[in-house]
């Protein structure tokens, strides 16, 4: 059982660390204006999905 837990920790942790490193590098490449628009678009998408989840039958 310990080997399964170890493999799961390495697999999930490795992916999260890689994602965090890519996000940090992307932060350096995107200017302020693009960040602002990206946040606005992401907010609208999240609101639309939330409304869809509430309204769907």
Protein backbone atom coordinates (compact mmCIF):
# COMPACT_ATOMS: atom_id res chain seq x y z
CA UNK A 1 0.00 0.00 0.00
CA UNK A 2 2.88 2.36 0.72
CA UNK A 3 4.20 2.06 -2.83
CA UNK A 4 0.82 3.08 -4.27
CA UNK A 5 0.67 6.15 -2.05
CA UNK A 6 4.24 7.06 -2.99
CA UNK A 7 3.52 6.74 -6.71
CA UNK A 8 0.37 8.86 -6.35
CA UNK A 9 2.25 11.58 -4.44
CA UNK A 10 5.04 11.72 -7.03
CA UNK A 11 2.60 11.70 -9.97
CA UNK A 12 0.27 14.39 -8.63
CA UNK A 13 3.02 16.47 -7.04
CA UNK A 14 5.19 16.33 -10.15
CA UNK A 15 2.39 17.57 -12.36
CA UNK A 16 1.52 20.40 -9.96
CA UNK A 17 5.14 21.52 -9.71
CA UNK A 18 5.50 21.50 -13.50
CA UNK A 19 2.28 23.51 -13.83
CA UNK A 20 3.46 26.05 -11.25
CA UNK A 21 6.80 26.51 -13.02
CA UNK A 22 5.09 27.04 -16.39
CA UNK A 23 2.68 29.54 -14.84
CA UNK A 24 5.59 31.46 -13.31
CA UNK A 25 7.33 31.70 -16.67
CA UNK A 26 4.11 32.72 -18.43
CA UNK A 27 3.73 35.55 -15.90
CA UNK A 28 6.97 37.04 -17.17
CA UNK A 29 5.88 36.86 -20.83
CA UNK A 30 2.43 38.46 -20.54
CA UNK A 31 2.11 42.24 -20.23
CA UNK A 32 -0.32 44.08 -17.92
CA UNK A 33 -2.92 44.84 -20.61
CA UNK A 34 -3.07 41.18 -21.67
CA UNK A 35 -3.38 40.07 -18.02
CA UNK A 36 -6.30 42.44 -17.51
CA UNK A 37 -8.17 41.10 -20.55
CA UNK A 38 -7.36 37.51 -19.65
CA UNK A 39 -8.83 38.03 -16.17
CA UNK A 40 -11.97 39.65 -17.63
CA UNK A 41 -12.50 36.82 -20.11
CA UNK A 42 -11.85 34.17 -17.46
CA UNK A 43 -14.36 35.85 -15.15
CA UNK A 44 -17.06 35.88 -17.83
CA UNK A 45 -16.40 32.23 -18.66
CA UNK A 46 -16.70 31.24 -14.99
CA UNK A 47 -19.95 33.21 -14.62
CA UNK A 48 -21.39 31.63 -17.78
CA UNK A 49 -20.51 28.12 -16.60
CA UNK A 50 -22.00 28.84 -13.17
CA UNK A 51 -25.24 30.06 -14.72
CA UNK A 52 -25.33 27.02 -17.00
CA UNK A 53 -24.90 24.66 -14.02
CA UNK A 54 -27.69 26.42 -12.10
CA UNK A 55 -30.13 26.54 -15.06
CA UNK A 56 -29.58 23.13 -16.65
CA UNK A 57 -32.40 20.63 -16.05
